[in-house]
Amino acid sequence: MSFWWLVISALTIVPMLKLLPFFGINKYWAVACVIPVGVVGLLWYMAINLQELEKR
């Protein structure tokens, strides 16, 4: 089970490393993707920032 957890975490962290700087977030926050709550939190924050960018 832990092997699959690492694979899924790595598959989530790599795209986040590239996306987070566009939203003004330090890329090292991608490590939060190791826990599911971290992924959801980052996605929520990115969605809120995207809405603010669209309003401009």
Protein backbone atom coordinates (compact mmCIF):
# COMPACT_ATOMS: atom_id res chain seq x y z
CA MET A 1 0.00 0.00 0.00
CA SER A 2 2.76 2.48 0.81
CA PHE A 3 4.29 1.97 -2.66
CA TRP A 4 1.08 3.10 -4.35
CA TRP A 5 0.81 6.02 -1.96
CA LEU A 6 4.27 7.19 -3.03
CA VAL A 7 3.44 6.78 -6.71
CA ILE A 8 0.22 8.76 -6.43
CA SER A 9 1.95 11.45 -4.35
CA ALA A 10 4.73 11.77 -6.92
CA LEU A 11 2.19 12.00 -9.74
CA THR A 12 0.48 14.81 -7.87
CA ILE A 13 3.59 16.69 -6.71
CA VAL A 14 5.20 17.01 -10.16
CA PRO A 15 2.36 19.00 -11.77
CA MET A 16 1.94 21.09 -8.63
CA LEU A 17 5.62 22.08 -8.79
CA LYS A 18 4.92 23.63 -12.17
CA LEU A 19 1.50 25.15 -11.40
CA LEU A 20 2.01 26.74 -7.99
CA PRO A 21 4.40 29.54 -9.07
CA PHE A 22 1.77 30.81 -11.54
CA PHE A 23 -0.59 31.35 -8.61
CA GLY A 24 1.98 33.13 -6.45
CA ILE A 25 2.62 30.16 -4.17
CA ASN A 26 6.10 28.91 -3.34
CA LYS A 27 6.73 25.68 -5.26
CA TYR A 28 7.86 23.90 -2.10
CA TRP A 29 4.25 23.85 -0.92
CA ALA A 30 3.82 20.97 -3.38
CA VAL A 31 5.18 18.73 -0.62
CA ALA A 32 1.78 19.20 1.05
CA CYS A 33 0.42 16.86 -1.64
CA VAL A 34 1.75 13.93 0.38
CA ILE A 35 -1.41 14.19 2.48
CA PRO A 36 -4.85 14.30 0.82
CA VAL A 37 -5.93 17.36 2.80
CA GLY A 38 -2.91 19.21 1.41
CA VAL A 39 -3.99 18.52 -2.16
CA VAL A 40 -7.52 19.72 -1.51
CA GLY A 41 -6.26 22.83 0.29
CA LEU A 42 -3.91 23.78 -2.54
CA LEU A 43 -6.60 23.19 -5.16
CA TRP A 44 -9.03 25.41 -3.25
CA TYR A 45 -6.44 28.17 -2.91
CA MET A 46 -5.58 27.96 -6.59
CA ALA A 47 -9.26 28.09 -7.56
CA ILE A 48 -9.83 31.20 -5.45
CA ASN A 49 -6.79 32.90 -7.00
CA LEU A 50 -7.96 31.94 -10.47
CA GLN A 51 -11.33 33.58 -9.84
CA GLU A 52 -9.57 36.77 -8.70
CA LEU A 53 -7.36 36.75 -11.79
CA GLU A 54 -10.40 36.35 -14.05
CA LYS A 55 -12.10 39.37 -12.48
CA ARG A 56 -9.25 41.66 -13.57
